[in-house]
Amino acid sequence: MAETRYTDKDLQEFEALIQEKLNVARENYGELKRALSHEDDNTTDDTSPTFKMMEDGSETMSREETAQLASRQEKFIRNLENALLRIKNKTFGICRVTGKLIPKARLRLVPHATMSIEAKNQQ
């Protein structure tokens, strides 16, 4: 008979892995938010107006890219938090399409995965 869920020991291993990734992700998100709010700023506010005007375009582009990165990081954090919830209710690692266990190797690389490669390829 095929396994229907991961053991508590496996879940503990994945929980530790996810917590580690979550701590790093939150730290990165904080840095991105600080960059967007100019807390760690080295802008051209105190330099000549001509130089400031030339820099405005690239600064706007950089801020947009930073905002996009922050948005992606926020989504990644949410996905990791959801994975922790699945660990608590012991549904972690079960493909939401096939109902089979997602291989451990995939979950170690993408711990917030909710579908097996097989199910992803069917999409």
PDB file of N, CA and C in Angstrom:
ATOM      1  N   MET A   1       0.837  -1.195   0.000  1.00  0.00           N
ATOM      2  CA  MET A   1       0.000   0.000   0.000  1.00  0.00           C
ATOM      3  C   MET A   1       0.879   1.256   0.000  1.00  0.00           C
ATOM      4  N   ALA A   2       0.541   2.213  -0.809  1.00  0.00           N
ATOM      5  CA  ALA A   2       1.306   3.445  -0.911  1.00  0.00           C
ATOM      6  C   ALA A   2       1.115   4.309   0.335  1.00  0.00           C
ATOM      7  N   GLU A   3       2.139   5.067   0.649  1.00  0.00           N
ATOM      8  CA  GLU A   3       2.044   5.972   1.795  1.00  0.00           C
ATOM      9  C   GLU A   3       1.034   7.075   1.479  1.00  0.00           C
ATOM     10  N   THR A   4       0.268   7.458   2.497  1.00  0.00           N
ATOM     11  CA  THR A   4      -0.724   8.507   2.274  1.00  0.00           C
ATOM     12  C   THR A   4      -0.289   9.837   2.875  1.00  0.00           C
ATOM     13  N   ARG A   5       0.733   9.807   3.746  1.00  0.00           N
ATOM     14  CA  ARG A   5       1.258  11.053   4.308  1.00  0.00           C
ATOM     15  C   ARG A   5       2.663  10.805   4.834  1.00  0.00           C
ATOM     16  N   TYR A   6       3.389  11.890   5.066  1.00  0.00           N
ATOM     17  CA  TYR A   6       4.735  11.776   5.616  1.00  0.00           C
ATOM     18  C   TYR A   6       4.665  11.534   7.115  1.00  0.00           C
ATOM     19  N   THR A   7       5.693  10.868   7.647  1.00  0.00           N
ATOM     20  CA  THR A   7       5.742  10.573   9.083  1.00  0.00           C
ATOM     21  C   THR A   7       5.960  11.866   9.866  1.00  0.00           C
ATOM     22  N   ASP A   8       5.687  11.809  11.157  1.00  0.00           N
ATOM     23  CA  ASP A   8       5.904  12.983  12.008  1.00  0.00           C
ATOM     24  C   ASP A   8       7.372  13.405  11.978  1.00  0.00           C
ATOM     25  N   LYS A   9       8.278  12.437  11.897  1.00  0.00           N
ATOM     26  CA  LYS A   9       9.711  12.742  11.838  1.00  0.00           C
ATOM     27  C   LYS A   9      10.025  13.499  10.545  1.00  0.00           C
ATOM     28  N   ASP A  10       9.465  13.039   9.432  1.00  0.00           N
ATOM     29  CA  ASP A  10       9.653  13.727   8.148  1.00  0.00           C
ATOM     30  C   ASP A  10       9.095  15.148   8.223  1.00  0.00           C
ATOM     31  N   LEU A  11       7.922  15.280   8.815  1.00  0.00           N
ATOM     32  CA  LEU A  11       7.281  16.590   8.921  1.00  0.00           C
ATOM     33  C   LEU A  11       8.126  17.545   9.760  1.00  0.00           C
ATOM     34  N   GLN A  12       8.756  17.013  10.809  1.00  0.00           N
ATOM     35  CA  GLN A  12       9.628  17.849  11.643  1.00  0.00           C
ATOM     36  C   GLN A  12      10.833  18.336  10.838  1.00  0.00           C
ATOM     37  N   GLU A  13      11.373  17.453  10.016  1.00  0.00           N
ATOM     38  CA  GLU A  13      12.510  17.820   9.156  1.00  0.00           C
ATOM     39  C   GLU A  13      12.102  18.942   8.198  1.00  0.00           C
ATOM     40  N   PHE A  14      10.941  18.787   7.570  1.00  0.00           N
ATOM     41  CA  PHE A  14      10.467  19.811   6.643  1.00  0.00           C
ATOM     42  C   PHE A  14      10.130  21.110   7.361  1.00  0.00           C
ATOM     43  N   GLU A  15       9.592  21.003   8.569  1.00  0.00           N
ATOM     44  CA  GLU A  15       9.269  22.203   9.341  1.00  0.00           C
ATOM     45  C   GLU A  15      10.535  23.003   9.638  1.00  0.00           C
ATOM     46  N   ALA A  16      11.608  22.327  10.012  1.00  0.00           N
ATOM     47  CA  ALA A  16      12.875  23.014  10.283  1.00  0.00           C
ATOM     48  C   ALA A  16      13.405  23.689   9.016  1.00  0.00           C
ATOM     49  N   LEU A  17      13.325  22.984   7.909  1.00  0.00           N
ATOM     50  CA  LEU A  17      13.774  23.536   6.628  1.00  0.00           C
ATOM     51  C   LEU A  17      12.966  24.778   6.254  1.00  0.00           C
ATOM     52  N   ILE A  18      11.655  24.693   6.411  1.00  0.00           N
ATOM     53  CA  ILE A  18      10.776  25.814   6.064  1.00  0.00           C
ATOM     54  C   ILE A  18      11.020  27.002   6.996  1.00  0.00           C
ATOM     55  N   GLN A  19      11.199  26.736   8.283  1.00  0.00           N
ATOM     56  CA  GLN A  19      11.465  27.823   9.241  1.00  0.00           C
ATOM     57  C   GLN A  19      12.747  28.566   8.865  1.00  0.00           C
ATOM     58  N   GLU A  20      13.753  27.809   8.459  1.00  0.00           N
ATOM     59  CA  GLU A  20      15.021  28.409   8.052  1.00  0.00           C
ATOM     60  C   GLU A  20      14.814  29.302   6.823  1.00  0.00           C
ATOM     61  N   LYS A  21      14.107  28.772   5.824  1.00  0.00           N
ATOM     62  CA  LYS A  21      13.833  29.548   4.610  1.00  0.00           C
ATOM     63  C   LYS A  21      12.958  30.764   4.924  1.00  0.00           C
ATOM     64  N   LEU A  22      12.029  30.594   5.839  1.00  0.00           N
ATOM     65  CA  LEU A  22      11.138  31.681   6.228  1.00  0.00           C
ATOM     66  C   LEU A  22      11.908  32.811   6.911  1.00  0.00           C
ATOM     67  N   ASN A  23      12.844  32.463   7.777  1.00  0.00           N
ATOM     68  CA  ASN A  23      13.657  33.485   8.451  1.00  0.00           C
ATOM     69  C   ASN A  23      14.467  34.296   7.445  1.00  0.00           C
ATOM     70  N   VAL A  24      15.083  33.620   6.485  1.00  0.00           N
ATOM     71  CA  VAL A  24      15.861  34.301   5.445  1.00  0.00           C
ATOM     72  C   VAL A  24      14.942  35.165   4.582  1.00  0.00           C
ATOM     73  N   ALA A  25      13.788  34.623   4.210  1.00  0.00           N
ATOM     74  CA  ALA A  25      12.841  35.359   3.357  1.00  0.00           C
ATOM     75  C   ALA A  25      12.338  36.614   4.067  1.00  0.00           C
ATOM     76  N   ARG A  26      12.040  36.509   5.345  1.00  0.00           N
ATOM     77  CA  ARG A  26      11.560  37.676   6.094  1.00  0.00           C
ATOM     78  C   ARG A  26      12.651  38.737   6.209  1.00  0.00           C
ATOM     79  N   GLU A  27      13.882  38.285   6.397  1.00  0.00           N
ATOM     80  CA  GLU A  27      15.007  39.216   6.469  1.00  0.00           C
ATOM     81  C   GLU A  27      15.169  39.950   5.129  1.00  0.00           C
ATOM     82  N   ASN A  28      15.122  39.200   4.040  1.00  0.00           N
ATOM     83  CA  ASN A  28      15.231  39.809   2.705  1.00  0.00           C
ATOM     84  C   ASN A  28      14.082  40.769   2.436  1.00  0.00           C
ATOM     85  N   TYR A  29      12.892  40.383   2.853  1.00  0.00           N
ATOM     86  CA  TYR A  29      11.715  41.237   2.664  1.00  0.00           C
ATOM     87  C   TYR A  29      11.890  42.551   3.436  1.00  0.00           C
ATOM     88  N   GLY A  30      12.400  42.448   4.643  1.00  0.00           N
ATOM     89  CA  GLY A  30      12.649  43.647   5.450  1.00  0.00           C
ATOM     90  C   GLY A  30      13.632  44.587   4.773  1.00  0.00           C
ATOM     91  N   GLU A  31      14.679  44.027   4.183  1.00  0.00           N
ATOM     92  CA  GLU A  31      15.668  44.842   3.472  1.00  0.00           C
ATOM     93  C   GLU A  31      15.034  45.540   2.264  1.00  0.00           C
ATOM     94  N   LEU A  32      14.195  44.811   1.540  1.00  0.00           N
ATOM     95  CA  LEU A  32      13.523  45.406   0.380  1.00  0.00           C
ATOM     96  C   LEU A  32      12.586  46.532   0.817  1.00  0.00           C
ATOM     97  N   LYS A  33      11.853  46.323   1.902  1.00  0.00           N
ATOM     98  CA  LYS A  33      10.930  47.348   2.402  1.00  0.00           C
ATOM     99  C   LYS A  33      11.705  48.593   2.855  1.00  0.00           C
ATOM    100  N   ARG A  34      12.855  48.371   3.512  1.00  0.00           N
ATOM    101  CA  ARG A  34      13.680  49.512   3.937  1.00  0.00           C
ATOM    102  C   ARG A  34      14.193  50.282   2.719  1.00  0.00           C
ATOM    103  N   ALA A  35      14.583  49.546   1.681  1.00  0.00           N
ATOM    104  CA  ALA A  35      15.063  50.201   0.459  1.00  0.00           C
ATOM    105  C   ALA A  35      13.952  51.039  -0.178  1.00  0.00           C
ATOM    106  N   LEU A  36      12.733  50.531  -0.135  1.00  0.00           N
ATOM    107  CA  LEU A  36      11.607  51.272  -0.713  1.00  0.00           C
ATOM    108  C   LEU A  36      11.238  52.504   0.103  1.00  0.00           C
ATOM    109  N   SER A  37      11.457  52.437   1.412  1.00  0.00           N
ATOM    110  CA  SER A  37      11.088  53.568   2.263  1.00  0.00           C
ATOM    111  C   SER A  37      12.252  54.534   2.468  1.00  0.00           C
ATOM    112  N   HIS A  38      13.346  54.301   1.760  1.00  0.00           N
ATOM    113  CA  HIS A  38      14.537  55.157   1.807  1.00  0.00           C
ATOM    114  C   HIS A  38      15.230  55.162   3.162  1.00  0.00           C
ATOM    115  N   GLU A  39      15.068  54.144   3.983  1.00  0.00           N
ATOM    116  CA  GLU A  39      15.752  54.102   5.269  1.00  0.00           C
ATOM    117  C   GLU A  39      17.260  53.961   5.091  1.00  0.00           C
ATOM    118  N   ASP A  40      17.668  53.182   4.115  1.00  0.00           N
ATOM    119  CA  ASP A  40      19.095  52.970   3.860  1.00  0.00           C
ATOM    120  C   ASP A  40      19.494  53.745   2.611  1.00  0.00           C
ATOM    121  N   ASP A  41      19.119  55.004   2.546  1.00  0.00           N
ATOM    122  CA  ASP A  41      19.197  55.749   1.298  1.00  0.00           C
ATOM    123  C   ASP A  41      20.521  56.452   1.068  1.00  0.00           C
ATOM    124  N   ASN A  42      20.946  56.381  -0.160  1.00  0.00           N
ATOM    125  CA  ASN A  42      22.095  57.158  -0.630  1.00  0.00           C
ATOM    126  C   ASN A  42      21.651  57.861  -1.903  1.00  0.00           C
ATOM    127  N   THR A  43      20.649  58.720  -1.795  1.00  0.00           N
ATOM    128  CA  THR A  43      20.100  59.376  -2.980  1.00  0.00           C
ATOM    129  C   THR A  43      20.908  60.604  -3.360  1.00  0.00           C
ATOM    130  N   THR A  44      20.453  61.269  -4.379  1.00  0.00           N
ATOM    131  CA  THR A  44      21.137  62.460  -4.884  1.00  0.00           C
ATOM    132  C   THR A  44      20.486  63.737  -4.368  1.00  0.00           C
ATOM    133  N   ASP A  45      19.716  63.649  -3.278  1.00  0.00           N
ATOM    134  CA  ASP A  45      18.988  64.812  -2.773  1.00  0.00           C
ATOM    135  C   ASP A  45      19.902  65.991  -2.432  1.00  0.00           C
ATOM    136  N   ASP A  46      21.140  65.705  -2.042  1.00  0.00           N
ATOM    137  CA  ASP A  46      22.031  66.778  -1.626  1.00  0.00           C
ATOM    138  C   ASP A  46      23.027  67.182  -2.715  1.00  0.00           C
ATOM    139  N   THR A  47      22.808  66.738  -3.946  1.00  0.00           N
ATOM    140  CA  THR A  47      23.722  67.082  -5.041  1.00  0.00           C
ATOM    141  C   THR A  47      23.071  68.073  -5.981  1.00  0.00           C
ATOM    142  N   SER A  48      23.778  68.442  -7.018  1.00  0.00           N
ATOM    143  CA  SER A  48      23.279  69.479  -7.926  1.00  0.00           C
ATOM    144  C   SER A  48      21.981  69.052  -8.610  1.00  0.00           C
ATOM    145  N   PRO A  49      21.102  70.003  -8.934  1.00  0.00           N
ATOM    146  CA  PRO A  49      19.815  69.692  -9.579  1.00  0.00           C
ATOM    147  C   PRO A  49      19.967  68.966 -10.916  1.00  0.00           C
ATOM    148  N   THR A  50      20.993  69.293 -11.701  1.00  0.00           N
ATOM    149  CA  THR A  50      21.185  68.640 -13.000  1.00  0.00           C
ATOM    150  C   THR A  50      21.461  67.157 -12.821  1.00  0.00           C
ATOM    151  N   PHE A  51      22.354  66.838 -11.912  1.00  0.00           N
ATOM    152  CA  PHE A  51      22.684  65.442 -11.645  1.00  0.00           C
ATOM    153  C   PHE A  51      21.458  64.709 -11.110  1.00  0.00           C
ATOM    154  N   LYS A  52      20.715  65.364 -10.222  1.00  0.00           N
ATOM    155  CA  LYS A  52      19.514  64.749  -9.651  1.00  0.00           C
ATOM    156  C   LYS A  52      18.502  64.424 -10.746  1.00  0.00           C
ATOM    157  N   MET A  53      18.327  65.316 -11.710  1.00  0.00           N
ATOM    158  CA  MET A  53      17.365  65.094 -12.793  1.00  0.00           C
ATOM    159  C   MET A  53      17.763  63.875 -13.630  1.00  0.00           C
ATOM    160  N   MET A  54      19.056  63.709 -13.882  1.00  0.00           N
ATOM    161  CA  MET A  54      19.518  62.562 -14.667  1.00  0.00           C
ATOM    162  C   MET A  54      19.308  61.260 -13.905  1.00  0.00           C
ATOM    163  N   GLU A  55      19.421  61.312 -12.620  1.00  0.00           N
ATOM    164  CA  GLU A  55      19.307  60.110 -11.804  1.00  0.00           C
ATOM    165  C   GLU A  55      17.861  59.699 -11.528  1.00  0.00           C
ATOM    166  N   ASP A  56      16.914  60.638 -11.643  1.00  0.00           N
ATOM    167  CA  ASP A  56      15.509  60.345 -11.322  1.00  0.00           C
ATOM    168  C   ASP A  56      14.948  59.173 -12.115  1.00  0.00           C
ATOM    169  N   GLY A  57      15.251  59.110 -13.411  1.00  0.00           N
ATOM    170  CA  GLY A  57      14.729  58.028 -14.250  1.00  0.00           C
ATOM    171  C   GLY A  57      15.214  56.670 -13.806  1.00  0.00           C
ATOM    172  N   SER A  58      16.504  56.546 -13.537  1.00  0.00           N
ATOM    173  CA  SER A  58      17.038  55.247 -13.122  1.00  0.00           C
ATOM    174  C   SER A  58      16.573  54.894 -11.711  1.00  0.00           C
ATOM    175  N   GLU A  59      16.391  55.918 -10.872  1.00  0.00           N
ATOM    176  CA  GLU A  59      15.899  55.651  -9.513  1.00  0.00           C
ATOM    177  C   GLU A  59      14.470  55.115  -9.547  1.00  0.00           C
ATOM    178  N   THR A  60      13.635  55.670 -10.424  1.00  0.00           N
ATOM    179  CA  THR A  60      12.252  55.199 -10.559  1.00  0.00           C
ATOM    180  C   THR A  60      12.228  53.749 -11.024  1.00  0.00           C
ATOM    181  N   MET A  61      13.068  53.422 -12.012  1.00  0.00           N
ATOM    182  CA  MET A  61      13.148  52.056 -12.520  1.00  0.00           C
ATOM    183  C   MET A  61      13.597  51.111 -11.406  1.00  0.00           C
ATOM    184  N   SER A  62      14.593  51.525 -10.660  1.00  0.00           N
ATOM    185  CA  SER A  62      15.109  50.694  -9.578  1.00  0.00           C
ATOM    186  C   SER A  62      14.048  50.479  -8.491  1.00  0.00           C
ATOM    187  N   ARG A  63      13.303  51.521  -8.172  1.00  0.00           N
ATOM    188  CA  ARG A  63      12.245  51.404  -7.158  1.00  0.00           C
ATOM    189  C   ARG A  63      11.157  50.441  -7.625  1.00  0.00           C
ATOM    190  N   GLU A  64      10.808  50.485  -8.913  1.00  0.00           N
ATOM    191  CA  GLU A  64       9.794  49.566  -9.448  1.00  0.00           C
ATOM    192  C   GLU A  64      10.280  48.122  -9.352  1.00  0.00           C
ATOM    193  N   GLU A  65      11.540  47.901  -9.695  1.00  0.00           N
ATOM    194  CA  GLU A  65      12.108  46.550  -9.601  1.00  0.00           C
ATOM    195  C   GLU A  65      12.133  46.081  -8.155  1.00  0.00           C
ATOM    196  N   THR A  66      12.497  46.973  -7.251  1.00  0.00           N
ATOM    197  CA  THR A  66      12.531  46.629  -5.831  1.00  0.00           C
ATOM    198  C   THR A  66      11.128  46.310  -5.321  1.00  0.00           C
ATOM    199  N   ALA A  67      10.149  47.080  -5.755  1.00  0.00           N
ATOM    200  CA  ALA A  67       8.762  46.827  -5.352  1.00  0.00           C
ATOM    201  C   ALA A  67       8.288  45.473  -5.868  1.00  0.00           C
ATOM    202  N   GLN A  68       8.680  45.125  -7.101  1.00  0.00           N
ATOM    203  CA  GLN A  68       8.324  43.811  -7.658  1.00  0.00           C
ATOM    204  C   GLN A  68       8.966  42.687  -6.850  1.00  0.00           C
ATOM    205  N   LEU A  69      10.238  42.869  -6.519  1.00  0.00           N
ATOM    206  CA  LEU A  69      10.938  41.860  -5.705  1.00  0.00           C
ATOM    207  C   LEU A  69      10.272  41.711  -4.339  1.00  0.00           C
ATOM    208  N   ALA A  70       9.892  42.833  -3.740  1.00  0.00           N
ATOM    209  CA  ALA A  70       9.236  42.795  -2.433  1.00  0.00           C
ATOM    210  C   ALA A  70       7.904  42.050  -2.522  1.00  0.00           C
ATOM    211  N   SER A  71       7.171  42.289  -3.594  1.00  0.00           N
ATOM    212  CA  SER A  71       5.887  41.614  -3.794  1.00  0.00           C
ATOM    213  C   SER A  71       6.079  40.101  -3.934  1.00  0.00           C
ATOM    214  N   ARG A  72       7.079  39.706  -4.716  1.00  0.00           N
ATOM    215  CA  ARG A  72       7.366  38.274  -4.875  1.00  0.00           C
ATOM    216  C   ARG A  72       7.803  37.647  -3.549  1.00  0.00           C
ATOM    217  N   GLN A  73       8.610  38.392  -2.803  1.00  0.00           N
ATOM    218  CA  GLN A  73       9.094  37.878  -1.522  1.00  0.00           C
ATOM    219  C   GLN A  73       7.932  37.705  -0.545  1.00  0.00           C
ATOM    220  N   GLU A  74       7.005  38.650  -0.571  1.00  0.00           N
ATOM    221  CA  GLU A  74       5.816  38.580   0.290  1.00  0.00           C
ATOM    222  C   GLU A  74       4.988  37.334  -0.049  1.00  0.00           C
ATOM    223  N   LYS A  75       4.834  37.052  -1.337  1.00  0.00           N
ATOM    224  CA  LYS A  75       4.095  35.868  -1.785  1.00  0.00           C
ATOM    225  C   LYS A  75       4.817  34.590  -1.351  1.00  0.00           C
ATOM    226  N   PHE A  76       6.143  34.584  -1.474  1.00  0.00           N
ATOM    227  CA  PHE A  76       6.951  33.432  -1.063  1.00  0.00           C
ATOM    228  C   PHE A  76       6.775  33.172   0.437  1.00  0.00           C
ATOM    229  N   ILE A  77       6.789  34.231   1.238  1.00  0.00           N
ATOM    230  CA  ILE A  77       6.601  34.104   2.691  1.00  0.00           C
ATOM    231  C   ILE A  77       5.223  33.508   2.986  1.00  0.00           C
ATOM    232  N   ARG A  78       4.210  34.009   2.293  1.00  0.00           N
ATOM    233  CA  ARG A  78       2.839  33.495   2.479  1.00  0.00           C
ATOM    234  C   ARG A  78       2.773  32.005   2.133  1.00  0.00           C
ATOM    235  N   ASN A  79       3.420  31.611   1.031  1.00  0.00           N
ATOM    236  CA  ASN A  79       3.438  30.197   0.631  1.00  0.00           C
ATOM    237  C   ASN A  79       4.148  29.327   1.666  1.00  0.00           C
ATOM    238  N   LEU A  80       5.241  29.825   2.222  1.00  0.00           N
ATOM    239  CA  LEU A  80       5.947  29.064   3.262  1.00  0.00           C
ATOM    240  C   LEU A  80       5.088  28.944   4.524  1.00  0.00           C
ATOM    241  N   GLU A  81       4.415  30.024   4.890  1.00  0.00           N
ATOM    242  CA  GLU A  81       3.529  29.982   6.066  1.00  0.00           C
ATOM    243  C   GLU A  81       2.390  28.987   5.846  1.00  0.00           C
ATOM    244  N   ASN A  82       1.869  28.937   4.626  1.00  0.00           N
ATOM    245  CA  ASN A  82       0.817  27.961   4.313  1.00  0.00           C
ATOM    246  C   ASN A  82       1.356  26.538   4.400  1.00  0.00           C
ATOM    247  N   ALA A  83       2.599  26.345   3.999  1.00  0.00           N
ATOM    248  CA  ALA A  83       3.217  25.018   4.103  1.00  0.00           C
ATOM    249  C   ALA A  83       3.328  24.600   5.570  1.00  0.00           C
ATOM    250  N   LEU A  84       3.636  25.550   6.444  1.00  0.00           N
ATOM    251  CA  LEU A  84       3.694  25.237   7.880  1.00  0.00           C
ATOM    252  C   LEU A  84       2.315  24.825   8.403  1.00  0.00           C
ATOM    253  N   LEU A  85       1.276  25.470   7.899  1.00  0.00           N
ATOM    254  CA  LEU A  85      -0.091  25.087   8.289  1.00  0.00           C
ATOM    255  C   LEU A  85      -0.399  23.655   7.834  1.00  0.00           C
ATOM    256  N   ARG A  86       0.045  23.313   6.617  1.00  0.00           N
ATOM    257  CA  ARG A  86      -0.175  21.955   6.117  1.00  0.00           C
ATOM    258  C   ARG A  86       0.600  20.933   6.954  1.00  0.00           C
ATOM    259  N   ILE A  87       1.744  21.330   7.467  1.00  0.00           N
ATOM    260  CA  ILE A  87       2.497  20.433   8.351  1.00  0.00           C
ATOM    261  C   ILE A  87       1.688  20.199   9.626  1.00  0.00           C
ATOM    262  N   LYS A  88       1.145  21.268  10.186  1.00  0.00           N
ATOM    263  CA  LYS A  88       0.363  21.148  11.425  1.00  0.00           C
ATOM    264  C   LYS A  88      -0.850  20.243  11.253  1.00  0.00           C
ATOM    265  N   ASN A  89      -1.520  20.361  10.093  1.00  0.00           N
ATOM    266  CA  ASN A  89      -2.700  19.507   9.909  1.00  0.00           C
ATOM    267  C   ASN A  89      -2.367  18.218   9.157  1.00  0.00           C
ATOM    268  N   LYS A  90      -1.061  17.957   9.021  1.00  0.00           N
ATOM    269  CA  LYS A  90      -0.534  16.691   8.477  1.00  0.00           C
ATOM    270  C   LYS A  90      -0.958  16.396   7.043  1.00  0.00           C
ATOM    271  N   THR A  91      -1.135  17.464   6.269  1.00  0.00           N
ATOM    272  CA  THR A  91      -1.429  17.281   4.847  1.00  0.00           C
ATOM    273  C   THR A  91      -0.255  17.739   3.976  1.00  0.00           C
ATOM    274  N   PHE A  92       0.833  18.107   4.616  1.00  0.00           N
ATOM    275  CA  PHE A  92       2.014  18.579   3.887  1.00  0.00           C
ATOM    276  C   PHE A  92       2.564  17.481   2.985  1.00  0.00           C
ATOM    277  N   GLY A  93       2.926  17.869   1.775  1.00  0.00           N
ATOM    278  CA  GLY A  93       3.566  16.932   0.861  1.00  0.00           C
ATOM    279  C   GLY A  93       2.616  16.063   0.065  1.00  0.00           C
ATOM    280  N   ILE A  94       1.335  16.301   0.211  1.00  0.00           N
ATOM    281  CA  ILE A  94       0.342  15.533  -0.550  1.00  0.00           C
ATOM    282  C   ILE A  94      -0.091  16.384  -1.738  1.00  0.00           C
ATOM    283  N   CYS A  95       0.061  15.854  -2.931  1.00  0.00           N
ATOM    284  CA  CYS A  95      -0.300  16.576  -4.149  1.00  0.00           C
ATOM    285  C   CYS A  95      -1.804  16.875  -4.138  1.00  0.00           C
ATOM    286  N   ARG A  96      -2.148  18.126  -4.368  1.00  0.00           N
ATOM    287  CA  ARG A  96      -3.571  18.508  -4.331  1.00  0.00           C
ATOM    288  C   ARG A  96      -4.326  18.047  -5.568  1.00  0.00           C
ATOM    289  N   VAL A  97      -3.614  17.561  -6.578  1.00  0.00           N
ATOM    290  CA  VAL A  97      -4.267  17.071  -7.793  1.00  0.00           C
ATOM    291  C   VAL A  97      -4.390  15.557  -7.777  1.00  0.00           C
ATOM    292  N   THR A  98      -3.267  14.875  -7.525  1.00  0.00           N
ATOM    293  CA  THR A  98      -3.254  13.411  -7.597  1.00  0.00           C
ATOM    294  C   THR A  98      -3.525  12.734  -6.264  1.00  0.00           C
ATOM    295  N   GLY A  99      -3.303  13.448  -5.163  1.00  0.00           N
ATOM    296  CA  GLY A  99      -3.478  12.850  -3.841  1.00  0.00           C
ATOM    297  C   GLY A  99      -2.296  11.976  -3.420  1.00  0.00           C
ATOM    298  N   LYS A 100      -1.279  11.901  -4.273  1.00  0.00           N
ATOM    299  CA  LYS A 100      -0.086  11.109  -3.963  1.00  0.00           C
ATOM    300  C   LYS A 100       0.936  11.983  -3.245  1.00  0.00           C
ATOM    301  N   LEU A 101       1.898  11.313  -2.601  1.00  0.00           N
ATOM    302  CA  LEU A 101       2.960  12.064  -1.936  1.00  0.00           C
ATOM    303  C   LEU A 101       3.885  12.702  -2.967  1.00  0.00           C
ATOM    304  N   ILE A 102       4.214  13.959  -2.718  1.00  0.00           N
ATOM    305  CA  ILE A 102       5.200  14.658  -3.537  1.00  0.00           C
ATOM    306  C   ILE A 102       6.566  14.143  -3.078  1.00  0.00           C
ATOM    307  N   PRO A 103       7.453  13.783  -4.003  1.00  0.00           N
ATOM    308  CA  PRO A 103       8.760  13.259  -3.606  1.00  0.00           C
ATOM    309  C   PRO A 103       9.530  14.207  -2.676  1.00  0.00           C
ATOM    310  N   LYS A 104      10.241  13.617  -1.716  1.00  0.00           N
ATOM    311  CA  LYS A 104      10.998  14.416  -0.742  1.00  0.00           C
ATOM    312  C   LYS A 104      12.001  15.337  -1.420  1.00  0.00           C
ATOM    313  N   ALA A 105      12.638  14.845  -2.482  1.00  0.00           N
ATOM    314  CA  ALA A 105      13.639  15.665  -3.173  1.00  0.00           C
ATOM    315  C   ALA A 105      13.013  16.963  -3.680  1.00  0.00           C
ATOM    316  N   ARG A 106      11.810  16.885  -4.221  1.00  0.00           N
ATOM    317  CA  ARG A 106      11.115  18.092  -4.711  1.00  0.00           C
ATOM    318  C   ARG A 106      10.778  19.020  -3.549  1.00  0.00           C
ATOM    319  N   LEU A 107      10.309  18.442  -2.452  1.00  0.00           N
ATOM    320  CA  LEU A 107       9.924  19.263  -1.307  1.00  0.00           C
ATOM    321  C   LEU A 107      11.131  19.922  -0.642  1.00  0.00           C
ATOM    322  N   ARG A 108      12.279  19.288  -0.730  1.00  0.00           N
ATOM    323  CA  ARG A 108      13.486  19.912  -0.167  1.00  0.00           C
ATOM    324  C   ARG A 108      13.886  21.130  -0.999  1.00  0.00           C
ATOM    325  N   LEU A 109      13.658  21.064  -2.301  1.00  0.00           N
ATOM    326  CA  LEU A 109      13.979  22.193  -3.176  1.00  0.00           C
ATOM    327  C   LEU A 109      12.892  23.260  -3.159  1.00  0.00           C
ATOM    328  N   VAL A 110      11.631  22.813  -3.161  1.00  0.00           N
ATOM    329  CA  VAL A 110      10.478  23.721  -3.175  1.00  0.00           C
ATOM    330  C   VAL A 110       9.538  23.284  -2.051  1.00  0.00           C
ATOM    331  N   PRO A 111       9.862  23.652  -0.815  1.00  0.00           N
ATOM    332  CA  PRO A 111       9.084  23.138   0.321  1.00  0.00           C
ATOM    333  C   PRO A 111       7.633  23.601   0.368  1.00  0.00           C
ATOM    334  N   HIS A 112       7.290  24.608  -0.407  1.00  0.00           N
ATOM    335  CA  HIS A 112       5.902  25.084  -0.419  1.00  0.00           C
ATOM    336  C   HIS A 112       5.105  24.477  -1.577  1.00  0.00           C
ATOM    337  N   ALA A 113       5.689  23.504  -2.267  1.00  0.00           N
ATOM    338  CA  ALA A 113       5.004  22.870  -3.407  1.00  0.00           C
ATOM    339  C   ALA A 113       3.717  22.187  -2.951  1.00  0.00           C
ATOM    340  N   THR A 114       2.693  22.330  -3.772  1.00  0.00           N
ATOM    341  CA  THR A 114       1.417  21.670  -3.473  1.00  0.00           C
ATOM    342  C   THR A 114       1.043  20.667  -4.558  1.00  0.00           C
ATOM    343  N   MET A 115       1.901  20.593  -5.587  1.00  0.00           N
ATOM    344  CA  MET A 115       1.644  19.636  -6.668  1.00  0.00           C
ATOM    345  C   MET A 115       2.922  18.889  -7.028  1.00  0.00           C
ATOM    346  N   SER A 116       2.737  17.647  -7.416  1.00  0.00           N
ATOM    347  CA  SER A 116       3.857  16.851  -7.894  1.00  0.00           C
ATOM    348  C   SER A 116       4.233  17.338  -9.299  1.00  0.00           C
ATOM    349  N   ILE A 117       5.405  16.945  -9.760  1.00  0.00           N
ATOM    350  CA  ILE A 117       5.823  17.291 -11.127  1.00  0.00           C
ATOM    351  C   ILE A 117       4.828  16.715 -12.126  1.00  0.00           C
ATOM    352  N   GLU A 118       4.371  15.503 -11.845  1.00  0.00           N
ATOM    353  CA  GLU A 118       3.386  14.824 -12.710  1.00  0.00           C
ATOM    354  C   GLU A 118       2.138  15.713 -12.879  1.00  0.00           C
ATOM    355  N   ALA A 119       1.619  16.233 -11.781  1.00  0.00           N
ATOM    356  CA  ALA A 119       0.432  17.073 -11.833  1.00  0.00           C
ATOM    357  C   ALA A 119       0.724  18.406 -12.520  1.00  0.00           C
ATOM    358  N   LYS A 120       1.909  18.981 -12.273  1.00  0.00           N
ATOM    359  CA  LYS A 120       2.297  20.236 -12.915  1.00  0.00           C
ATOM    360  C   LYS A 120       2.350  20.087 -14.420  1.00  0.00           C
ATOM    361  N   ASN A 121       2.875  18.948 -14.886  1.00  0.00           N
ATOM    362  CA  ASN A 121       3.002  18.701 -16.319  1.00  0.00           C
ATOM    363  C   ASN A 121       1.644  18.514 -16.978  1.00  0.00           C
ATOM    364  N   GLN A 122       0.630  18.097 -16.230  1.00  0.00           N
ATOM    365  CA  GLN A 122      -0.718  17.909 -16.779  1.00  0.00           C
ATOM    366  C   GLN A 122      -1.442  19.237 -17.002  1.00  0.00           C
ATOM    367  N   GLN A 123      -0.957  20.286 -16.399  1.00  0.00           N
ATOM    368  CA  GLN A 123      -1.628  21.588 -16.511  1.00  0.00           C
ATOM    369  C   GLN A 123      -1.543  22.167 -17.895  1.00  0.00           C
TER     370      GLN A 123
END
